[in-house]
Amino acid sequence: MKFSVNTKELIRVLSNIQGIIDKSGQNQLSNVFIHAIDDKLVLNATNNQLTLLDKIDASVEEEGLICVKAHRFLQVMRSLNDSITSISLKRMSLSVRSGKAQFNIKECSPADDFPPYTPPMSEEKITIKNSGLRRMLGETIFSIMKPERQNLNGASVELHEKEEGHFFRMVTTDGTRLSISEIPYSGSIDAEKLHQMLIPQKALQELLNLTNSYGDQEWTLIFGKKKACFSIEILEFSFTLLTGKFPEYNMIIKKILGEKNVQIDKKYFSSVLKRVSVFHSKSANSVMFSFSPNQLEVSFTNSDVGDFRESFDVDYSNDSFSISFNLSFFQELLGALDAEIIQLEMDDPMRPCLITVPKRNDCRFVIMPMRHNT
C-alpha cells in the first residue's frame, strides 16, 4: 500500500473518528481501518454501537488496506507541517512522510480482524439540510436524561405533516425539562419504523460534531429495524437505535394555559443570568424570577457566598408573581437558541413554563419550576 493525501483532510477525518473509537487502546475497536483504492482513501471506525465511514481523495500508487491505532495516527498527522503526506505500508509498519519528517507506526494489525461494516438497508429515505440538523440537535441535546433511565437517554424522532409541509421532529426530556425542535424534510419513510425508537445521546453528540464540517449540504436518513444511517456526500454515520417508550409529552404542553405571558430580550437576559452564576453552586441553584408590569427582577441567594438581584424592562402586563427555576436549565436553553426575543408562558409558581420564540413554530421548550433556595 502506498499513497499520498492532503494532510488537513486526513486530520479532519481522524479527528471525527476520535469520538467513535474505544479509548482503552486494547483492541481492534481502538483502530481505524484504512483502505487505499482507486483514487480514494476509505477510513472506517466503530465501537460496535456507532460506525463512521468516510472517504477522501488520494493519489494511490499501490492499493492496500490495514488497521492502525487511531489515536496515534492522529497524533502523528497533527505534528506535520506540510500540506501533503505520503504513506506506505511495509511489514505491518505504517510509514508516514511529510517534508523531512518520517514516522514508522508499528501499532498496526491485519484488516481482516476489523469488524465488517453493515449499514441499515432500506429503499425509503428522507433528506434534511445540514444547517437545519445542526440547529435541531443544538436545541434538544442538552435536555437528555443521564444513562440511568434508558427510555429518556436519547431523542425521540417523529414525522409530522403540517400546512407548511413535512417536518422531521426531535424530542428530548430529562423529566424536569422538555425540548422539541423540527426541520423540513423531503422523501418518505414509514413513520411506524420510528415508533419507540430513540437516537442515543452519544450518536446525537457525534452528529452535532459532524455538522461543523458542512454548510447547507443535505443529509440522507435511513432507518432500519435496529439501526439508522445518516449520510452526507461520501460520509456515512450509522448507529444502533435504543428501544424505549418515550413519555406522552403533548399532554404536558396542552395543560399549560399560558395565562401569564412575557417577552424578554434574549441577549440581555443571558447577560443577567451570567452575572447570577457568579454565586451559583450545586447546593444553591434556584434563581427567582419576580414579574410585575413591564419589569422582571432576577434574584439569587447563596447563604454561604452572597446574593444578587437585578431588574430590567420586559414586555409583561399581567399580575405580579414570582417563580423559581434551575439556573443552569435556562442558561443551557438560551445558549442553544438563535433568537432575539423569547416568550415565557406561565400559569402559577408550581406549574411548567413553556418557552417559545415569537414568529417561529418549529421549536418549543418546557421547564419545570423548583423550590427557591433560601
Protein backbone atom coordinates (compact mmCIF):
# COMPACT_ATOMS: atom_id res chain seq x y z
CA MET A 1 0.00 0.00 0.00
CA LYS A 2 1.32 3.40 -0.98
CA PHE A 3 -0.47 6.72 -1.41
CA SER A 4 -0.30 10.50 -0.90
CA VAL A 5 -3.05 12.51 0.74
CA ASN A 6 -3.95 16.06 1.81
CA THR A 7 -2.74 16.41 5.41
CA LYS A 8 -5.61 18.63 6.61
CA GLU A 9 -8.26 16.37 5.10
CA LEU A 10 -6.83 13.29 6.78
CA ILE A 11 -6.60 15.15 10.11
CA ARG A 12 -10.27 16.18 9.76
CA VAL A 13 -11.47 12.60 9.32
CA LEU A 14 -9.20 11.20 12.04
CA SER A 15 -10.45 13.91 14.42
CA ASN A 16 -14.06 12.90 13.78
CA ILE A 17 -13.13 9.28 14.42
CA GLN A 18 -11.85 10.03 17.93
CA GLY A 19 -15.42 10.24 19.20
CA ILE A 20 -16.17 6.76 17.87
CA ILE A 21 -13.20 4.59 18.85
CA ASP A 22 -12.69 2.59 22.04
CA LYS A 23 -10.46 4.79 24.22
CA SER A 24 -8.89 1.84 26.05
CA GLY A 25 -6.48 1.22 23.18
CA GLN A 26 -6.51 -2.51 23.91
CA ASN A 27 -8.47 -3.96 20.96
CA GLN A 28 -9.47 -3.57 17.32
CA LEU A 29 -12.13 -1.04 18.26
CA SER A 30 -9.31 1.39 19.07
CA ASN A 31 -8.13 1.18 15.47
CA VAL A 32 -9.09 2.90 12.25
CA PHE A 33 -9.49 0.74 9.18
CA ILE A 34 -7.86 2.34 6.11
CA HIS A 35 -8.22 1.17 2.53
CA ALA A 36 -6.37 2.81 -0.36
CA ILE A 37 -8.27 2.01 -3.55
CA ASP A 38 -8.65 3.74 -6.93
CA ASP A 39 -8.26 7.45 -6.16
CA LYS A 40 -9.72 7.32 -2.63
CA LEU A 41 -8.67 6.63 0.93
CA VAL A 42 -11.51 4.91 2.79
CA LEU A 43 -11.46 5.21 6.59
CA ASN A 44 -13.74 3.32 8.95
CA ALA A 45 -14.06 3.33 12.76
CA THR A 46 -16.54 1.61 15.05
CA ASN A 47 -17.26 0.77 18.69
CA ASN A 48 -19.99 -1.71 17.69
CA GLN A 49 -22.69 0.87 18.53
CA LEU A 50 -21.52 3.77 16.36
CA THR A 51 -19.78 3.46 13.00
CA LEU A 52 -18.23 6.22 10.91
CA LEU A 53 -17.11 5.67 7.33
CA ASP A 54 -15.57 8.49 5.32
CA LYS A 55 -13.60 8.84 2.09
CA ILE A 56 -11.09 11.43 0.96
CA ASP A 57 -9.22 11.95 -2.29
CA ALA A 58 -5.80 10.32 -2.50
CA SER A 59 -3.10 9.67 -5.07
CA VAL A 60 -2.85 5.88 -4.84
CA GLU A 61 0.27 4.20 -6.23
CA GLU A 62 -0.35 0.80 -4.63
CA GLU A 63 -3.72 -0.31 -3.32
CA GLY A 64 -3.99 -1.97 0.07
CA LEU A 65 -5.64 -1.99 3.47
CA ILE A 66 -4.57 -2.08 7.10
CA CYS A 67 -5.72 -1.20 10.64
CA VAL A 68 -3.72 1.29 12.68
CA LYS A 69 -4.12 2.73 16.18
CA ALA A 70 -6.41 5.72 15.55
CA HIS A 71 -5.20 7.98 18.35
CA ARG A 72 -1.52 7.50 17.46
CA PHE A 73 -2.19 8.07 13.77
CA LEU A 74 -3.93 11.37 14.57
CA GLN A 75 -1.08 12.48 16.86
CA VAL A 76 1.40 11.84 14.06
CA MET A 77 -0.66 13.69 11.46
CA ARG A 78 -1.24 16.70 13.71
CA SER A 79 2.51 17.09 14.21
CA LEU A 80 3.17 17.54 10.46
CA ASN A 81 3.62 20.88 8.72
CA ASP A 82 3.49 20.08 5.00
CA SER A 83 0.20 20.10 3.08
CA ILE A 84 0.80 16.68 1.51
CA THR A 85 1.67 13.47 3.36
CA SER A 86 3.00 10.26 1.81
CA ILE A 87 2.04 6.99 3.49
CA SER A 88 3.15 3.44 2.77
CA LEU A 89 2.90 0.03 4.43
CA LYS A 90 5.96 -2.17 4.93
CA ARG A 91 5.94 -5.35 7.05
CA MET A 92 2.97 -4.29 9.19
CA SER A 93 4.52 -0.89 9.87
CA LEU A 94 2.92 2.31 8.55
CA SER A 95 5.48 4.75 7.19
CA VAL A 96 4.35 8.40 7.27
CA ARG A 97 6.46 11.01 5.44
CA SER A 98 5.90 14.75 5.23
CA GLY A 99 8.71 17.11 4.29
CA LYS A 100 11.81 15.88 6.09
CA ALA A 101 9.80 14.18 8.86
CA GLN A 102 9.30 10.42 8.86
CA PHE A 103 7.34 8.24 11.29
CA ASN A 104 7.03 4.47 11.37
CA ILE A 105 3.90 3.41 13.24
CA LYS A 106 4.14 -0.19 14.41
CA GLU A 107 0.73 -0.29 16.11
CA CYS A 108 -0.89 -1.98 13.11
CA SER A 109 -2.97 -5.13 12.66
CA PRO A 110 -4.50 -7.07 9.76
CA ALA A 111 -7.57 -5.51 8.16
CA ASP A 112 -9.34 -8.90 8.25
CA ASP A 113 -9.60 -8.59 12.04
CA PHE A 114 -11.69 -5.41 11.81
CA PRO A 115 -15.50 -5.76 12.29
CA PRO A 116 -17.36 -5.71 8.94
CA TYR A 117 -19.42 -2.63 8.11
CA THR A 118 -23.14 -3.37 7.67
CA PRO A 119 -25.26 -0.21 7.33
CA PRO A 120 -29.06 -0.44 7.52
CA MET A 121 -30.68 -1.14 4.16
CA SER A 122 -33.93 0.43 3.00
CA GLU A 123 -35.38 1.93 -0.15
CA GLU A 124 -37.17 4.53 1.97
CA LYS A 125 -35.19 7.62 2.89
CA ILE A 126 -35.58 11.29 3.69
CA THR A 127 -33.26 14.25 3.23
CA ILE A 128 -32.69 17.22 5.54
CA LYS A 129 -30.36 20.21 5.34
CA ASN A 130 -27.18 20.25 7.42
CA SER A 131 -27.93 23.71 8.82
CA GLY A 132 -31.35 22.54 10.00
CA LEU A 133 -29.95 19.36 11.53
CA ARG A 134 -27.34 21.37 13.42
CA ARG A 135 -29.99 23.74 14.79
CA MET A 136 -32.30 20.89 15.80
CA LEU A 137 -29.53 18.99 17.58
CA GLY A 138 -28.37 22.11 19.41
CA GLU A 139 -31.91 22.84 20.58
CA THR A 140 -32.51 19.38 22.03
CA ILE A 141 -29.28 17.64 23.09
CA PHE A 142 -28.92 19.48 26.41
CA SER A 143 -32.15 18.14 27.94
CA ILE A 144 -31.43 14.40 27.84
CA MET A 145 -31.57 12.18 30.93
CA LYS A 146 -28.39 10.62 32.21
CA PRO A 147 -27.91 6.90 31.38
CA GLU A 148 -29.84 5.59 34.39
CA ARG A 149 -33.18 5.81 32.54
CA GLN A 150 -32.84 4.31 29.07
CA ASN A 151 -36.21 5.47 27.76
CA LEU A 152 -35.13 9.08 28.36
CA ASN A 153 -31.46 8.68 27.42
CA GLY A 154 -31.94 9.61 23.79
CA ALA A 155 -34.00 11.64 21.34
CA SER A 156 -37.40 10.54 20.11
CA VAL A 157 -37.79 11.17 16.37
CA GLU A 158 -41.11 11.66 14.59
CA LEU A 159 -42.54 12.71 11.23
CA HIS A 160 -45.23 15.40 11.19
CA GLU A 161 -47.47 16.77 8.47
CA LYS A 162 -48.26 20.49 8.74
CA GLU A 163 -49.73 23.12 6.45
CA GLU A 164 -46.20 24.32 5.75
CA GLY A 165 -45.04 20.86 4.63
CA HIS A 166 -43.37 17.71 6.01
CA PHE A 167 -41.35 18.02 9.23
CA PHE A 168 -38.82 15.78 10.99
CA ARG A 169 -39.14 16.30 14.76
CA MET A 170 -36.72 15.55 17.57
CA VAL A 171 -37.85 15.50 21.22
CA THR A 172 -35.76 15.10 24.38
CA THR A 173 -36.51 15.23 28.10
CA ASP A 174 -34.83 14.51 31.42
CA GLY A 175 -38.06 14.54 33.42
CA THR A 176 -37.79 18.18 34.52
CA ARG A 177 -37.45 19.86 31.12
CA LEU A 178 -38.53 19.12 27.58
CA SER A 179 -37.17 20.24 24.21
CA ILE A 180 -38.95 19.97 20.86
CA SER A 181 -37.39 21.03 17.57
CA GLU A 182 -38.24 20.22 13.97
CA ILE A 183 -36.99 20.84 10.45
CA PRO A 184 -38.45 20.34 6.95
CA TYR A 185 -37.66 17.12 5.10
CA SER A 186 -38.25 15.61 1.69
CA GLY A 187 -38.70 11.97 0.74
CA SER A 188 -40.64 9.30 2.63
CA ILE A 189 -40.22 6.82 5.48
CA ASP A 190 -42.79 4.58 7.11
CA ALA A 191 -43.46 6.50 10.34
CA GLU A 192 -44.01 3.21 12.18
CA LYS A 193 -40.28 2.48 11.85
CA LEU A 194 -39.63 5.39 14.18
CA HIS A 195 -42.14 4.31 16.82
CA GLN A 196 -40.47 3.75 20.20
CA MET A 197 -37.02 4.17 18.66
CA LEU A 198 -34.59 6.66 20.18
CA ILE A 199 -31.34 8.08 18.82
CA PRO A 200 -28.80 7.58 21.65
CA GLN A 201 -27.16 10.60 23.24
CA LYS A 202 -23.68 9.61 22.05
CA ALA A 203 -24.87 9.43 18.44
CA LEU A 204 -26.50 12.85 18.76
CA GLN A 205 -23.26 14.38 20.03
CA GLU A 206 -21.22 12.87 17.22
CA LEU A 207 -23.77 14.06 14.66
CA LEU A 208 -23.56 17.57 16.11
CA ASN A 209 -19.77 17.46 15.78
CA LEU A 210 -20.01 16.26 12.18
CA THR A 211 -22.29 19.13 11.16
CA ASN A 212 -19.35 21.51 11.74
CA SER A 213 -17.70 20.28 8.55
CA TYR A 214 -20.59 21.05 6.20
CA GLY A 215 -22.52 24.14 5.16
CA ASP A 216 -26.00 23.69 3.72
CA GLN A 217 -25.50 20.31 2.08
CA GLU A 218 -28.15 17.65 2.59
CA TRP A 219 -28.08 14.59 4.83
CA THR A 220 -29.81 11.40 3.75
CA LEU A 221 -31.51 9.46 6.57
CA ILE A 222 -32.29 5.75 6.50
CA PHE A 223 -33.95 3.90 9.41
CA GLY A 224 -33.83 0.12 9.70
CA LYS A 225 -35.29 -2.11 12.42
CA LYS A 226 -32.45 -1.56 14.88
CA LYS A 227 -30.08 0.82 13.12
CA ALA A 228 -30.12 4.21 11.43
CA CYS A 229 -27.71 5.76 8.98
CA PHE A 230 -27.12 9.47 8.36
CA SER A 231 -25.02 10.12 5.25
CA ILE A 232 -23.75 13.29 3.59
CA GLU A 233 -21.62 13.44 0.48
CA ILE A 234 -19.34 10.37 0.88
CA LEU A 235 -19.56 10.15 4.68
CA GLU A 236 -21.77 7.54 6.38
CA PHE A 237 -22.57 7.58 10.10
CA SER A 238 -24.61 4.63 11.35
CA PHE A 239 -25.63 3.72 14.87
CA THR A 240 -27.75 1.31 16.89
CA LEU A 241 -31.08 2.74 17.98
CA LEU A 242 -32.40 2.49 21.54
CA THR A 243 -35.78 0.91 22.20
CA GLY A 244 -37.91 2.71 24.75
CA LYS A 245 -41.34 4.20 25.33
CA PHE A 246 -40.99 7.97 25.28
CA PRO A 247 -43.30 9.96 27.60
CA GLU A 248 -46.54 11.37 26.17
CA TYR A 249 -45.22 14.93 26.10
CA ASN A 250 -48.14 16.52 24.22
CA MET A 251 -50.37 16.22 27.29
CA ILE A 252 -47.87 18.29 29.31
CA ILE A 253 -47.93 21.12 26.78
CA LYS A 254 -51.72 21.10 26.42
CA LYS A 255 -52.10 21.63 30.18
CA ILE A 256 -50.06 24.86 30.05
CA LEU A 257 -52.70 27.55 29.63
CA GLY A 258 -50.20 30.39 29.45
CA GLU A 259 -52.25 32.88 31.44
CA LYS A 260 -49.13 34.92 32.21
CA ASN A 261 -47.03 35.73 29.13
CA VAL A 262 -43.83 37.73 28.94
CA GLN A 263 -41.44 38.56 26.11
CA ILE A 264 -37.77 39.06 27.02
CA ASP A 265 -34.71 40.23 25.12
CA LYS A 266 -32.62 37.04 24.97
CA LYS A 267 -29.20 38.71 24.82
CA TYR A 268 -29.77 40.87 27.86
CA PHE A 269 -31.49 38.06 29.74
CA SER A 270 -28.43 35.86 29.10
CA SER A 271 -26.12 38.55 30.46
CA VAL A 272 -28.19 38.81 33.65
CA LEU A 273 -28.06 35.05 34.19
CA LYS A 274 -24.30 35.12 33.59
CA ARG A 275 -23.98 37.61 36.46
CA VAL A 276 -26.23 35.43 38.62
CA SER A 277 -24.00 32.42 38.01
CA VAL A 278 -21.14 34.09 39.93
CA PHE A 279 -22.81 32.82 43.12
CA HIS A 280 -24.18 29.60 41.64
CA SER A 281 -23.36 26.21 43.16
CA LYS A 282 -24.83 22.70 43.11
CA SER A 283 -26.39 23.24 46.51
CA ALA A 284 -27.74 26.70 45.61
CA ASN A 285 -29.05 26.55 42.06
CA SER A 286 -32.53 28.10 42.03
CA VAL A 287 -33.00 31.61 40.69
CA MET A 288 -36.10 33.68 41.42
CA PHE A 289 -37.96 35.50 38.61
CA SER A 290 -40.28 38.17 40.03
CA PHE A 291 -42.63 39.67 37.45
CA SER A 292 -44.51 42.96 37.70
CA PRO A 293 -45.95 45.15 34.93
CA ASN A 294 -43.14 45.80 32.41
CA GLN A 295 -40.47 44.58 34.87
CA LEU A 296 -38.58 41.41 35.71
CA GLU A 297 -36.42 41.17 38.79
CA VAL A 298 -33.94 38.29 38.86
CA SER A 299 -32.70 37.45 42.34
CA PHE A 300 -30.44 34.76 43.76
CA THR A 301 -29.29 33.89 47.26
CA ASN A 302 -26.39 31.71 48.35
CA SER A 303 -26.23 31.73 52.13
CA ASP A 304 -22.53 30.81 52.07
CA VAL A 305 -21.38 33.31 49.44
CA GLY A 306 -23.78 36.19 48.96
CA ASP A 307 -26.82 37.36 47.00
CA PHE A 308 -27.70 39.11 43.75
CA ARG A 309 -30.63 40.99 42.25
CA GLU A 310 -31.21 42.93 39.05
CA SER A 311 -34.33 44.45 37.47
CA PHE A 312 -34.87 45.22 33.79
CA ASP A 313 -37.66 46.04 31.35
CA VAL A 314 -39.73 43.26 29.77
CA ASP A 315 -43.00 43.07 27.85
CA TYR A 316 -45.34 41.92 30.62
CA SER A 317 -48.77 43.29 31.57
CA ASN A 318 -50.28 40.74 33.95
CA ASP A 319 -50.43 40.44 37.75
CA SER A 320 -47.26 40.42 39.82
CA PHE A 321 -45.95 37.00 40.77
CA SER A 322 -42.70 35.11 41.43
CA ILE A 323 -41.43 31.76 40.21
CA SER A 324 -38.11 29.90 40.65
CA PHE A 325 -36.13 27.83 38.15
CA ASN A 326 -32.91 25.90 37.91
CA LEU A 327 -30.39 28.48 36.69
CA SER A 328 -28.45 26.03 34.51
CA PHE A 329 -31.61 24.96 32.67
CA PHE A 330 -32.28 28.48 31.44
CA GLN A 331 -28.62 29.15 30.64
CA GLU A 332 -28.35 25.99 28.52
CA LEU A 333 -31.56 26.80 26.67
CA LEU A 334 -30.63 30.41 25.95
CA GLY A 335 -27.18 29.28 24.81
CA ALA A 336 -28.76 26.93 22.26
CA LEU A 337 -31.34 29.35 20.85
CA ASP A 338 -30.62 31.65 17.92
CA ALA A 339 -33.24 34.29 18.71
CA GLU A 340 -33.56 37.95 19.65
CA ILE A 341 -36.71 37.58 21.75
CA ILE A 342 -38.04 34.63 23.75
CA GLN A 343 -41.52 34.24 25.18
CA LEU A 344 -42.36 32.63 28.53
CA GLU A 345 -45.89 31.29 29.06
CA MET A 346 -46.74 30.52 32.70
CA ASP A 347 -49.74 29.85 34.90
CA ASP A 348 -48.56 29.75 38.53
CA PRO A 349 -45.32 29.17 40.51
CA MET A 350 -45.83 25.38 40.70
CA ARG A 351 -46.73 24.62 37.08
CA PRO A 352 -44.49 24.18 34.00
CA CYS A 353 -43.25 27.13 31.96
CA LEU A 354 -43.48 26.99 28.15
CA ILE A 355 -40.73 28.82 26.27
CA THR A 356 -41.16 29.71 22.60
CA VAL A 357 -39.62 32.04 20.03
CA PRO A 358 -42.05 34.59 18.53
CA LYS A 359 -42.68 34.07 14.78
CA ARG A 360 -41.19 30.57 14.94
CA ASN A 361 -43.35 27.46 15.16
CA ASP A 362 -40.52 24.92 14.81
CA CYS A 363 -39.41 24.74 18.45
CA ARG A 364 -40.92 24.63 21.95
CA PHE A 365 -39.40 24.08 25.37
CA VAL A 366 -40.77 23.29 28.81
CA ILE A 367 -39.00 23.85 32.12
CA MET A 368 -40.45 22.77 35.46
CA PRO A 369 -40.22 25.30 38.33
CA MET A 370 -38.44 24.46 41.56
CA ARG A 371 -38.45 25.47 45.19
CA HIS A 372 -36.40 28.56 45.80
CA ASN A 373 -33.23 28.19 47.90
CA THR A 374 -33.19 30.43 50.94
